[in-house]
Amino acid sequence: MSGLVTRRQNGYSRMEKEDPEEKKHRQAQFLIYKIMEQANSGTRRRSSCLRIRIRKFKLRIGRRLKKLKKTMSMGFCTARNGICKQFGQLRTCKSLFGRPKEEALAFPSLVS
């Protein structure tokens, strides 16, 4: 190792200049050590448990939204059918009672 440490009387240490390649190598080793330490620690297990909980929550929300969509579409179909029936009844009422005046004048016996 070319980075020698010299000790002074006042307690401070001084590093001699280090080779840039050796410095990069030491930083890479530190990063590898850090990543390996994170992989070995228990943080990985907690995150996967959290992912499972989030996925279950998303599934539950998805099912509820699907059910809501289905009930809404059924409600719209029912409402549309009811409106169509009302229009049909309205047409029959118009044909029975709401004849135009021209037709009423054609049959004077009906108008008294």
PDB file of N, CA and C in Angstrom:
ATOM      1  N   MET A   1       0.852  -1.174   0.000  1.00  0.00           N
ATOM      2  CA  MET A   1       0.000   0.000   0.000  1.00  0.00           C
ATOM      3  C   MET A   1       0.891   1.228   0.000  1.00  0.00           C
ATOM      4  N   SER A   2       0.664   2.097  -0.950  1.00  0.00           N
ATOM      5  CA  SER A   2       1.532   3.261  -1.060  1.00  0.00           C
ATOM      6  C   SER A   2       1.060   4.400  -0.180  1.00  0.00           C
ATOM      7  N   GLY A   3      -0.171   4.344   0.329  1.00  0.00           N
ATOM      8  CA  GLY A   3      -0.703   5.397   1.178  1.00  0.00           C
ATOM      9  C   GLY A   3      -0.238   5.192   2.607  1.00  0.00           C
ATOM     10  N   LEU A   4       0.932   5.681   2.919  1.00  0.00           N
ATOM     11  CA  LEU A   4       1.473   5.517   4.262  1.00  0.00           C
ATOM     12  C   LEU A   4       0.970   6.628   5.175  1.00  0.00           C
ATOM     13  N   VAL A   5       0.756   6.248   6.420  1.00  0.00           N
ATOM     14  CA  VAL A   5       0.265   7.211   7.387  1.00  0.00           C
ATOM     15  C   VAL A   5       1.422   7.574   8.310  1.00  0.00           C
ATOM     16  N   THR A   6       1.656   8.870   8.445  1.00  0.00           N
ATOM     17  CA  THR A   6       2.697   9.328   9.370  1.00  0.00           C
ATOM     18  C   THR A   6       2.028  10.049  10.519  1.00  0.00           C
ATOM     19  N   ARG A   7       2.569   9.849  11.715  1.00  0.00           N
ATOM     20  CA  ARG A   7       1.981  10.431  12.917  1.00  0.00           C
ATOM     21  C   ARG A   7       2.797  11.647  13.356  1.00  0.00           C
ATOM     22  N   ARG A   8       2.107  12.699  13.696  1.00  0.00           N
ATOM     23  CA  ARG A   8       2.784  13.894  14.210  1.00  0.00           C
ATOM     24  C   ARG A   8       2.634  13.945  15.723  1.00  0.00           C
ATOM     25  N   GLN A   9       3.264  14.892  16.320  1.00  0.00           N
ATOM     26  CA  GLN A   9       3.218  15.015  17.773  1.00  0.00           C
ATOM     27  C   GLN A   9       1.850  15.499  18.265  1.00  0.00           C
ATOM     28  N   ASN A  10       1.154  16.330  17.496  1.00  0.00           N
ATOM     29  CA  ASN A  10      -0.112  16.886  17.957  1.00  0.00           C
ATOM     30  C   ASN A  10      -1.292  15.921  17.785  1.00  0.00           C
ATOM     31  N   GLY A  11      -1.087  14.712  17.302  1.00  0.00           N
ATOM     32  CA  GLY A  11      -2.137  13.721  17.239  1.00  0.00           C
ATOM     33  C   GLY A  11      -2.824  13.593  15.886  1.00  0.00           C
ATOM     34  N   TYR A  12      -2.534  14.487  14.961  1.00  0.00           N
ATOM     35  CA  TYR A  12      -3.117  14.386  13.628  1.00  0.00           C
ATOM     36  C   TYR A  12      -2.272  13.445  12.781  1.00  0.00           C
ATOM     37  N   SER A  13      -2.944  12.744  11.879  1.00  0.00           N
ATOM     38  CA  SER A  13      -2.214  11.881  10.962  1.00  0.00           C
ATOM     39  C   SER A  13      -2.319  12.461   9.562  1.00  0.00           C
ATOM     40  N   ARG A  14      -1.298  12.189   8.778  1.00  0.00           N
ATOM     41  CA  ARG A  14      -1.278  12.744   7.433  1.00  0.00           C
ATOM     42  C   ARG A  14      -1.047  11.612   6.443  1.00  0.00           C
ATOM     43  N   MET A  15      -1.920  11.598   5.399  1.00  0.00           N
ATOM     44  CA  MET A  15      -1.777  10.580   4.357  1.00  0.00           C
ATOM     45  C   MET A  15      -0.851  11.114   3.279  1.00  0.00           C
ATOM     46  N   GLU A  16       0.019  10.240   2.820  1.00  0.00           N
ATOM     47  CA  GLU A  16       0.827  10.608   1.664  1.00  0.00           C
ATOM     48  C   GLU A  16      -0.040  10.457   0.430  1.00  0.00           C
ATOM     49  N   LYS A  17       0.358  11.046  -0.652  1.00  0.00           N
ATOM     50  CA  LYS A  17      -0.437  10.984  -1.890  1.00  0.00           C
ATOM     51  C   LYS A  17      -0.568   9.536  -2.328  1.00  0.00           C
ATOM     52  N   GLU A  18      -1.792   9.231  -2.789  1.00  0.00           N
ATOM     53  CA  GLU A  18      -2.123   7.866  -3.150  1.00  0.00           C
ATOM     54  C   GLU A  18      -2.225   7.741  -4.661  1.00  0.00           C
ATOM     55  N   ASP A  19      -1.917   6.584  -5.169  1.00  0.00           N
ATOM     56  CA  ASP A  19      -2.028   6.303  -6.592  1.00  0.00           C
ATOM     57  C   ASP A  19      -3.507   6.340  -6.995  1.00  0.00           C
ATOM     58  N   PRO A  20      -3.899   7.044  -8.079  1.00  0.00           N
ATOM     59  CA  PRO A  20      -5.316   7.140  -8.468  1.00  0.00           C
ATOM     60  C   PRO A  20      -5.947   5.779  -8.770  1.00  0.00           C
ATOM     61  N   GLU A  21      -5.182   4.863  -9.362  1.00  0.00           N
ATOM     62  CA  GLU A  21      -5.727   3.527  -9.656  1.00  0.00           C
ATOM     63  C   GLU A  21      -6.028   2.785  -8.368  1.00  0.00           C
ATOM     64  N   GLU A  22      -5.122   2.924  -7.400  1.00  0.00           N
ATOM     65  CA  GLU A  22      -5.336   2.253  -6.115  1.00  0.00           C
ATOM     66  C   GLU A  22      -6.534   2.848  -5.375  1.00  0.00           C
ATOM     67  N   LYS A  23      -6.717   4.160  -5.535  1.00  0.00           N
ATOM     68  CA  LYS A  23      -7.858   4.830  -4.901  1.00  0.00           C
ATOM     69  C   LYS A  23      -9.171   4.317  -5.496  1.00  0.00           C
ATOM     70  N   LYS A  24      -9.229   4.203  -6.842  1.00  0.00           N
ATOM     71  CA  LYS A  24     -10.428   3.676  -7.499  1.00  0.00           C
ATOM     72  C   LYS A  24     -10.702   2.243  -7.064  1.00  0.00           C
ATOM     73  N   HIS A  25      -9.643   1.461  -6.960  1.00  0.00           N
ATOM     74  CA  HIS A  25      -9.796   0.069  -6.557  1.00  0.00           C
ATOM     75  C   HIS A  25     -10.354  -0.017  -5.136  1.00  0.00           C
ATOM     76  N   ARG A  26      -9.856   0.816  -4.243  1.00  0.00           N
ATOM     77  CA  ARG A  26     -10.342   0.820  -2.863  1.00  0.00           C
ATOM     78  C   ARG A  26     -11.805   1.255  -2.786  1.00  0.00           C
ATOM     79  N   GLN A  27     -12.200   2.254  -3.579  1.00  0.00           N
ATOM     80  CA  GLN A  27     -13.603   2.688  -3.609  1.00  0.00           C
ATOM     81  C   GLN A  27     -14.512   1.588  -4.150  1.00  0.00           C
ATOM     82  N   ALA A  28     -14.049   0.898  -5.188  1.00  0.00           N
ATOM     83  CA  ALA A  28     -14.841  -0.200  -5.748  1.00  0.00           C
ATOM     84  C   ALA A  28     -15.013  -1.314  -4.716  1.00  0.00           C
ATOM     85  N   GLN A  29     -13.954  -1.635  -4.000  1.00  0.00           N
ATOM     86  CA  GLN A  29     -14.052  -2.662  -2.960  1.00  0.00           C
ATOM     87  C   GLN A  29     -15.047  -2.255  -1.879  1.00  0.00           C
ATOM     88  N   PHE A  30     -15.018  -0.965  -1.507  1.00  0.00           N
ATOM     89  CA  PHE A  30     -15.941  -0.479  -0.486  1.00  0.00           C
ATOM     90  C   PHE A  30     -17.381  -0.610  -0.963  1.00  0.00           C
ATOM     91  N   LEU A  31     -17.644  -0.221  -2.225  1.00  0.00           N
ATOM     92  CA  LEU A  31     -18.999  -0.320  -2.767  1.00  0.00           C
ATOM     93  C   LEU A  31     -19.462  -1.776  -2.838  1.00  0.00           C
ATOM     94  N   ILE A  32     -18.581  -2.673  -3.238  1.00  0.00           N
ATOM     95  CA  ILE A  32     -18.933  -4.094  -3.285  1.00  0.00           C
ATOM     96  C   ILE A  32     -19.253  -4.598  -1.888  1.00  0.00           C
ATOM     97  N   TYR A  33     -18.436  -4.212  -0.914  1.00  0.00           N
ATOM     98  CA  TYR A  33     -18.671  -4.630   0.469  1.00  0.00           C
ATOM     99  C   TYR A  33     -20.022  -4.111   0.964  1.00  0.00           C
ATOM    100  N   LYS A  34     -20.315  -2.872   0.638  1.00  0.00           N
ATOM    101  CA  LYS A  34     -21.573  -2.255   1.071  1.00  0.00           C
ATOM    102  C   LYS A  34     -22.778  -2.991   0.468  1.00  0.00           C
ATOM    103  N   ILE A  35     -22.720  -3.314  -0.815  1.00  0.00           N
ATOM    104  CA  ILE A  35     -23.816  -4.015  -1.483  1.00  0.00           C
ATOM    105  C   ILE A  35     -23.985  -5.414  -0.912  1.00  0.00           C
ATOM    106  N   MET A  36     -22.875  -6.098  -0.669  1.00  0.00           N
ATOM    107  CA  MET A  36     -22.953  -7.452  -0.097  1.00  0.00           C
ATOM    108  C   MET A  36     -23.543  -7.409   1.310  1.00  0.00           C
ATOM    109  N   GLU A  37     -23.206  -6.395   2.064  1.00  0.00           N
ATOM    110  CA  GLU A  37     -23.749  -6.254   3.414  1.00  0.00           C
ATOM    111  C   GLU A  37     -25.256  -6.027   3.370  1.00  0.00           C
ATOM    112  N   GLN A  38     -25.718  -5.203   2.438  1.00  0.00           N
ATOM    113  CA  GLN A  38     -27.159  -4.968   2.294  1.00  0.00           C
ATOM    114  C   GLN A  38     -27.881  -6.245   1.870  1.00  0.00           C
ATOM    115  N   ALA A  39     -27.251  -7.036   0.998  1.00  0.00           N
ATOM    116  CA  ALA A  39     -27.884  -8.274   0.540  1.00  0.00           C
ATOM    117  C   ALA A  39     -27.997  -9.280   1.688  1.00  0.00           C
ATOM    118  N   ASN A  40     -27.033  -9.289   2.573  1.00  0.00           N
ATOM    119  CA  ASN A  40     -27.051 -10.236   3.689  1.00  0.00           C
ATOM    120  C   ASN A  40     -27.961  -9.790   4.825  1.00  0.00           C
ATOM    121  N   SER A  41     -28.252  -8.502   4.901  1.00  0.00           N
ATOM    122  CA  SER A  41     -29.064  -8.010   6.014  1.00  0.00           C
ATOM    123  C   SER A  41     -30.527  -8.378   5.809  1.00  0.00           C
ATOM    124  N   GLY A  42     -31.358  -8.194   6.833  1.00  0.00           N
ATOM    125  CA  GLY A  42     -32.765  -8.578   6.802  1.00  0.00           C
ATOM    126  C   GLY A  42     -33.668  -7.565   6.133  1.00  0.00           C
ATOM    127  N   THR A  43     -33.136  -6.464   5.612  1.00  0.00           N
ATOM    128  CA  THR A  43     -33.983  -5.456   4.973  1.00  0.00           C
ATOM    129  C   THR A  43     -34.653  -6.017   3.734  1.00  0.00           C
ATOM    130  N   ARG A  44     -34.033  -6.959   3.097  1.00  0.00           N
ATOM    131  CA  ARG A  44     -34.595  -7.546   1.879  1.00  0.00           C
ATOM    132  C   ARG A  44     -35.890  -8.288   2.189  1.00  0.00           C
ATOM    133  N   ARG A  45     -35.912  -9.007   3.297  1.00  0.00           N
ATOM    134  CA  ARG A  45     -37.075  -9.798   3.662  1.00  0.00           C
ATOM    135  C   ARG A  45     -38.265  -8.898   3.962  1.00  0.00           C
ATOM    136  N   ARG A  46     -38.027  -7.791   4.651  1.00  0.00           N
ATOM    137  CA  ARG A  46     -39.124  -6.886   4.995  1.00  0.00           C
ATOM    138  C   ARG A  46     -39.734  -6.254   3.752  1.00  0.00           C
ATOM    139  N   SER A  47     -38.887  -5.891   2.786  1.00  0.00           N
ATOM    140  CA  SER A  47     -39.402  -5.246   1.592  1.00  0.00           C
ATOM    141  C   SER A  47     -40.260  -6.209   0.782  1.00  0.00           C
ATOM    142  N   SER A  48     -39.865  -7.497   0.725  1.00  0.00           N
ATOM    143  CA  SER A  48     -40.668  -8.444  -0.038  1.00  0.00           C
ATOM    144  C   SER A  48     -42.010  -8.674   0.656  1.00  0.00           C
ATOM    145  N   CYS A  49     -42.018  -8.684   1.987  1.00  0.00           N
ATOM    146  CA  CYS A  49     -43.269  -8.834   2.726  1.00  0.00           C
ATOM    147  C   CYS A  49     -44.168  -7.631   2.449  1.00  0.00           C
ATOM    148  N   LEU A  50     -43.567  -6.468   2.399  1.00  0.00           N
ATOM    149  CA  LEU A  50     -44.331  -5.258   2.099  1.00  0.00           C
ATOM    150  C   LEU A  50     -44.886  -5.316   0.680  1.00  0.00           C
ATOM    151  N   ARG A  51     -44.091  -5.820  -0.257  1.00  0.00           N
ATOM    152  CA  ARG A  51     -44.564  -5.952  -1.638  1.00  0.00           C
ATOM    153  C   ARG A  51     -45.767  -6.871  -1.722  1.00  0.00           C
ATOM    154  N   ILE A  52     -45.732  -7.966  -0.965  1.00  0.00           N
ATOM    155  CA  ILE A  52     -46.861  -8.907  -0.976  1.00  0.00           C
ATOM    156  C   ILE A  52     -48.111  -8.230  -0.439  1.00  0.00           C
ATOM    157  N   ARG A  53     -47.964  -7.477   0.649  1.00  0.00           N
ATOM    158  CA  ARG A  53     -49.116  -6.792   1.221  1.00  0.00           C
ATOM    159  C   ARG A  53     -49.690  -5.767   0.245  1.00  0.00           C
ATOM    160  N   ILE A  54     -48.814  -5.028  -0.425  1.00  0.00           N
ATOM    161  CA  ILE A  54     -49.264  -4.025  -1.400  1.00  0.00           C
ATOM    162  C   ILE A  54     -49.982  -4.712  -2.557  1.00  0.00           C
ATOM    163  N   ARG A  55     -49.443  -5.843  -3.024  1.00  0.00           N
ATOM    164  CA  ARG A  55     -50.068  -6.558  -4.134  1.00  0.00           C
ATOM    165  C   ARG A  55     -51.454  -7.061  -3.746  1.00  0.00           C
ATOM    166  N   LYS A  56     -51.596  -7.602  -2.532  1.00  0.00           N
ATOM    167  CA  LYS A  56     -52.909  -8.067  -2.071  1.00  0.00           C
ATOM    168  C   LYS A  56     -53.885  -6.904  -1.984  1.00  0.00           C
ATOM    169  N   PHE A  57     -53.404  -5.758  -1.513  1.00  0.00           N
ATOM    170  CA  PHE A  57     -54.243  -4.567  -1.402  1.00  0.00           C
ATOM    171  C   PHE A  57     -54.714  -4.116  -2.793  1.00  0.00           C
ATOM    172  N   LYS A  58     -53.799  -4.136  -3.769  1.00  0.00           N
ATOM    173  CA  LYS A  58     -54.165  -3.750  -5.130  1.00  0.00           C
ATOM    174  C   LYS A  58     -55.202  -4.706  -5.714  1.00  0.00           C
ATOM    175  N   LEU A  59     -55.029  -6.003  -5.445  1.00  0.00           N
ATOM    176  CA  LEU A  59     -56.005  -6.979  -5.932  1.00  0.00           C
ATOM    177  C   LEU A  59     -57.377  -6.724  -5.336  1.00  0.00           C
ATOM    178  N   ARG A  60     -57.406  -6.424  -4.029  1.00  0.00           N
ATOM    179  CA  ARG A  60     -58.684  -6.178  -3.375  1.00  0.00           C
ATOM    180  C   ARG A  60     -59.354  -4.938  -3.954  1.00  0.00           C
ATOM    181  N   ILE A  61     -58.576  -3.886  -4.192  1.00  0.00           N
ATOM    182  CA  ILE A  61     -59.127  -2.662  -4.787  1.00  0.00           C
ATOM    183  C   ILE A  61     -59.627  -2.959  -6.199  1.00  0.00           C
ATOM    184  N   GLY A  62     -58.847  -3.739  -6.968  1.00  0.00           N
ATOM    185  CA  GLY A  62     -59.242  -4.077  -8.334  1.00  0.00           C
ATOM    186  C   GLY A  62     -60.556  -4.835  -8.376  1.00  0.00           C
ATOM    187  N   ARG A  63     -60.710  -5.776  -7.440  1.00  0.00           N
ATOM    188  CA  ARG A  63     -61.966  -6.535  -7.397  1.00  0.00           C
ATOM    189  C   ARG A  63     -63.140  -5.625  -7.077  1.00  0.00           C
ATOM    190  N   ARG A  64     -62.936  -4.727  -6.122  1.00  0.00           N
ATOM    191  CA  ARG A  64     -64.020  -3.809  -5.755  1.00  0.00           C
ATOM    192  C   ARG A  64     -64.390  -2.901  -6.921  1.00  0.00           C
ATOM    193  N   LEU A  65     -63.388  -2.394  -7.633  1.00  0.00           N
ATOM    194  CA  LEU A  65     -63.664  -1.525  -8.781  1.00  0.00           C
ATOM    195  C   LEU A  65     -64.399  -2.291  -9.877  1.00  0.00           C
ATOM    196  N   LYS A  66     -63.996  -3.549 -10.096  1.00  0.00           N
ATOM    197  CA  LYS A  66     -64.660  -4.359 -11.115  1.00  0.00           C
ATOM    198  C   LYS A  66     -66.122  -4.597 -10.747  1.00  0.00           C
ATOM    199  N   LYS A  67     -66.361  -4.895  -9.480  1.00  0.00           N
ATOM    200  CA  LYS A  67     -67.721  -5.128  -9.012  1.00  0.00           C
ATOM    201  C   LYS A  67     -68.561  -3.847  -9.136  1.00  0.00           C
ATOM    202  N   LEU A  68     -67.963  -2.703  -8.771  1.00  0.00           N
ATOM    203  CA  LEU A  68     -68.660  -1.425  -8.870  1.00  0.00           C
ATOM    204  C   LEU A  68     -69.007  -1.110 -10.321  1.00  0.00           C
ATOM    205  N   LYS A  69     -68.065  -1.359 -11.220  1.00  0.00           N
ATOM    206  CA  LYS A  69     -68.294  -1.104 -12.637  1.00  0.00           C
ATOM    207  C   LYS A  69     -69.441  -1.970 -13.162  1.00  0.00           C
ATOM    208  N   LYS A  70     -69.449  -3.237 -12.735  1.00  0.00           N
ATOM    209  CA  LYS A  70     -70.494  -4.158 -13.170  1.00  0.00           C
ATOM    210  C   LYS A  70     -71.867  -3.701 -12.677  1.00  0.00           C
ATOM    211  N   THR A  71     -71.952  -3.306 -11.407  1.00  0.00           N
ATOM    212  CA  THR A  71     -73.242  -2.878 -10.865  1.00  0.00           C
ATOM    213  C   THR A  71     -73.706  -1.581 -11.520  1.00  0.00           C
ATOM    214  N   MET A  72     -72.749  -0.678 -11.805  1.00  0.00           N
ATOM    215  CA  MET A  72     -73.129   0.573 -12.467  1.00  0.00           C
ATOM    216  C   MET A  72     -73.649   0.315 -13.877  1.00  0.00           C
ATOM    217  N   SER A  73     -72.990  -0.574 -14.606  1.00  0.00           N
ATOM    218  CA  SER A  73     -73.459  -0.859 -15.973  1.00  0.00           C
ATOM    219  C   SER A  73     -74.828  -1.536 -15.936  1.00  0.00           C
ATOM    220  N   MET A  74     -75.041  -2.411 -14.950  1.00  0.00           N
ATOM    221  CA  MET A  74     -76.361  -3.031 -14.818  1.00  0.00           C
ATOM    222  C   MET A  74     -77.419  -1.979 -14.474  1.00  0.00           C
ATOM    223  N   GLY A  75     -77.051  -1.035 -13.619  1.00  0.00           N
ATOM    224  CA  GLY A  75     -77.980   0.047 -13.261  1.00  0.00           C
ATOM    225  C   GLY A  75     -78.330   0.909 -14.454  1.00  0.00           C
ATOM    226  N   PHE A  76     -77.331   1.204 -15.293  1.00  0.00           N
ATOM    227  CA  PHE A  76     -77.594   2.003 -16.496  1.00  0.00           C
ATOM    228  C   PHE A  76     -78.494   1.245 -17.461  1.00  0.00           C
ATOM    229  N   CYS A  77     -78.260  -0.058 -17.608  1.00  0.00           N
ATOM    230  CA  CYS A  77     -79.109  -0.856 -18.503  1.00  0.00           C
ATOM    231  C   CYS A  77     -80.543  -0.858 -17.997  1.00  0.00           C
ATOM    232  N   THR A  78     -80.710  -1.041 -16.699  1.00  0.00           N
ATOM    233  CA  THR A  78     -82.054  -1.056 -16.117  1.00  0.00           C
ATOM    234  C   THR A  78     -82.739   0.295 -16.309  1.00  0.00           C
ATOM    235  N   ALA A  79     -81.993   1.370 -16.080  1.00  0.00           N
ATOM    236  CA  ALA A  79     -82.564   2.709 -16.244  1.00  0.00           C
ATOM    237  C   ALA A  79     -82.950   2.955 -17.702  1.00  0.00           C
ATOM    238  N   ARG A  80     -82.093   2.538 -18.613  1.00  0.00           N
ATOM    239  CA  ARG A  80     -82.375   2.733 -20.038  1.00  0.00           C
ATOM    240  C   ARG A  80     -83.620   1.945 -20.452  1.00  0.00           C
ATOM    241  N   ASN A  81     -83.735   0.715 -19.961  1.00  0.00           N
ATOM    242  CA  ASN A  81     -84.930  -0.083 -20.279  1.00  0.00           C
ATOM    243  C   ASN A  81     -86.187   0.570 -19.711  1.00  0.00           C
ATOM    244  N   GLY A  82     -86.091   1.096 -18.511  1.00  0.00           N
ATOM    245  CA  GLY A  82     -87.250   1.778 -17.908  1.00  0.00           C
ATOM    246  C   GLY A  82     -87.652   3.002 -18.695  1.00  0.00           C
ATOM    247  N   ILE A  83     -86.677   3.768 -19.154  1.00  0.00           N
ATOM    248  CA  ILE A  83     -86.978   4.971 -19.942  1.00  0.00           C
ATOM    249  C   ILE A  83     -87.602   4.583 -21.271  1.00  0.00           C
ATOM    250  N   CYS A  84     -87.080   3.528 -21.895  1.00  0.00           N
ATOM    251  CA  CYS A  84     -87.656   3.081 -23.176  1.00  0.00           C
ATOM    252  C   CYS A  84     -89.102   2.643 -22.997  1.00  0.00           C
ATOM    253  N   LYS A  85     -89.376   1.952 -21.907  1.00  0.00           N
ATOM    254  CA  LYS A  85     -90.759   1.533 -21.641  1.00  0.00           C
ATOM    255  C   LYS A  85     -91.657   2.750 -21.453  1.00  0.00           C
ATOM    256  N   GLN A  86     -91.159   3.769 -20.747  1.00  0.00           N
ATOM    257  CA  GLN A  86     -91.963   4.974 -20.539  1.00  0.00           C
ATOM    258  C   GLN A  86     -92.240   5.677 -21.863  1.00  0.00           C
ATOM    259  N   PHE A  87     -91.238   5.717 -22.743  1.00  0.00           N
ATOM    260  CA  PHE A  87     -91.464   6.337 -24.044  1.00  0.00           C
ATOM    261  C   PHE A  87     -92.482   5.546 -24.856  1.00  0.00           C
ATOM    262  N   GLY A  88     -92.420   4.223 -24.736  1.00  0.00           N
ATOM    263  CA  GLY A  88     -93.411   3.396 -25.435  1.00  0.00           C
ATOM    264  C   GLY A  88     -94.811   3.673 -24.926  1.00  0.00           C
ATOM    265  N   GLN A  89     -94.956   3.788 -23.617  1.00  0.00           N
ATOM    266  CA  GLN A  89     -96.264   4.105 -23.037  1.00  0.00           C
ATOM    267  C   GLN A  89     -96.711   5.492 -23.461  1.00  0.00           C
ATOM    268  N   LEU A  90     -95.778   6.419 -23.538  1.00  0.00           N
ATOM    269  CA  LEU A  90     -96.104   7.781 -23.959  1.00  0.00           C
ATOM    270  C   LEU A  90     -96.600   7.792 -25.403  1.00  0.00           C
ATOM    271  N   ARG A  91     -95.983   6.980 -26.261  1.00  0.00           N
ATOM    272  CA  ARG A  91     -96.420   6.903 -27.656  1.00  0.00           C
ATOM    273  C   ARG A  91     -97.842   6.349 -27.751  1.00  0.00           C
ATOM    274  N   THR A  92     -98.122   5.316 -26.967  1.00  0.00           N
ATOM    275  CA  THR A  92     -99.484   4.755 -27.019  1.00  0.00           C
ATOM    276  C   THR A  92    -100.500   5.762 -26.501  1.00  0.00           C
ATOM    277  N   CYS A  93    -100.138   6.504 -25.452  1.00  0.00           N
ATOM    278  CA  CYS A  93    -101.052   7.529 -24.929  1.00  0.00           C
ATOM    279  C   CYS A  93    -101.287   8.620 -25.967  1.00  0.00           C
ATOM    280  N   LYS A  94    -100.242   9.037 -26.658  1.00  0.00           N
ATOM    281  CA  LYS A  94    -100.392  10.051 -27.691  1.00  0.00           C
ATOM    282  C   LYS A  94    -101.291   9.549 -28.813  1.00  0.00           C
ATOM    283  N   SER A  95    -101.108   8.299 -29.179  1.00  0.00           N
ATOM    284  CA  SER A  95    -101.926   7.778 -30.281  1.00  0.00           C
ATOM    285  C   SER A  95    -103.388   7.637 -29.862  1.00  0.00           C
ATOM    286  N   LEU A  96    -103.639   7.376 -28.590  1.00  0.00           N
ATOM    287  CA  LEU A  96    -105.024   7.233 -28.137  1.00  0.00           C
ATOM    288  C   LEU A  96    -105.703   8.580 -27.903  1.00  0.00           C
ATOM    289  N   PHE A  97    -105.020   9.450 -27.159  1.00  0.00           N
ATOM    290  CA  PHE A  97    -105.680  10.680 -26.717  1.00  0.00           C
ATOM    291  C   PHE A  97    -105.195  11.941 -27.410  1.00  0.00           C
ATOM    292  N   GLY A  98    -104.048  11.908 -27.953  1.00  0.00           N
ATOM    293  CA  GLY A  98    -103.485  13.152 -28.471  1.00  0.00           C
ATOM    294  C   GLY A  98    -103.528  13.258 -29.961  1.00  0.00           C
ATOM    295  N   ARG A  99    -104.696  13.084 -30.593  1.00  0.00           N
ATOM    296  CA  ARG A  99    -104.787  13.233 -32.044  1.00  0.00           C
ATOM    297  C   ARG A  99    -104.693  14.709 -32.409  1.00  0.00           C
ATOM    298  N   PRO A 100    -104.083  15.015 -33.520  1.00  0.00           N
ATOM    299  CA  PRO A 100    -104.036  16.414 -33.961  1.00  0.00           C
ATOM    300  C   PRO A 100    -105.435  16.928 -34.314  1.00  0.00           C
ATOM    301  N   LYS A 101    -105.609  18.224 -34.311  1.00  0.00           N
ATOM    302  CA  LYS A 101    -106.920  18.836 -34.551  1.00  0.00           C
ATOM    303  C   LYS A 101    -107.415  18.559 -35.960  1.00  0.00           C
ATOM    304  N   GLU A 102    -106.526  18.418 -36.925  1.00  0.00           N
ATOM    305  CA  GLU A 102    -106.924  18.141 -38.296  1.00  0.00           C
ATOM    306  C   GLU A 102    -107.666  16.815 -38.374  1.00  0.00           C
ATOM    307  N   GLU A 103    -107.153  15.808 -37.690  1.00  0.00           N
ATOM    308  CA  GLU A 103    -107.807  14.505 -37.690  1.00  0.00           C
ATOM    309  C   GLU A 103    -109.136  14.588 -36.942  1.00  0.00           C
ATOM    310  N   ALA A 104    -109.180  15.361 -35.869  1.00  0.00           N
ATOM    311  CA  ALA A 104    -110.418  15.489 -35.092  1.00  0.00           C
ATOM    312  C   ALA A 104    -111.506  16.157 -35.919  1.00  0.00           C
ATOM    313  N   LEU A 105    -111.137  17.115 -36.789  1.00  0.00           N
ATOM    314  CA  LEU A 105    -112.119  17.767 -37.647  1.00  0.00           C
ATOM    315  C   LEU A 105    -112.595  16.835 -38.763  1.00  0.00           C
ATOM    316  N   ALA A 106    -111.784  15.877 -39.129  1.00  0.00           N
ATOM    317  CA  ALA A 106    -112.186  14.930 -40.180  1.00  0.00           C
ATOM    318  C   ALA A 106    -113.305  14.044 -39.695  1.00  0.00           C
ATOM    319  N   PHE A 107    -113.334  13.796 -38.380  1.00  0.00           N
ATOM    320  CA  PHE A 107    -114.423  12.971 -37.785  1.00  0.00           C
ATOM    321  C   PHE A 107    -115.238  13.839 -36.857  1.00  0.00           C
ATOM    322  N   PRO A 108    -116.268  14.552 -37.384  1.00  0.00           N
ATOM    323  CA  PRO A 108    -117.022  15.475 -36.544  1.00  0.00           C
ATOM    324  C   PRO A 108    -117.882  14.769 -35.506  1.00  0.00           C
ATOM    325  N   SER A 109    -118.175  13.519 -35.703  1.00  0.00           N
ATOM    326  CA  SER A 109    -119.025  12.829 -34.722  1.00  0.00           C
ATOM    327  C   SER A 109    -118.299  12.597 -33.421  1.00  0.00           C
ATOM    328  N   LEU A 110    -116.955  12.516 -33.466  1.00  0.00           N
ATOM    329  CA  LEU A 110    -116.182  12.317 -32.233  1.00  0.00           C
ATOM    330  C   LEU A 110    -116.113  13.593 -31.421  1.00  0.00           C
ATOM    331  N   VAL A 111    -116.155  14.747 -32.091  1.00  0.00           N
ATOM    332  CA  VAL A 111    -116.049  16.013 -31.379  1.00  0.00           C
ATOM    333  C   VAL A 111    -117.461  16.522 -31.159  1.00  0.00           C
ATOM    334  N   SER A 112    -117.942  16.628 -29.950  1.00  0.00           N
ATOM    335  CA  SER A 112    -119.288  17.093 -29.704  1.00  0.00           C
ATOM    336  C   SER A 112    -119.295  18.271 -28.778  1.00  0.00           C
TER     337      SER A 112
END
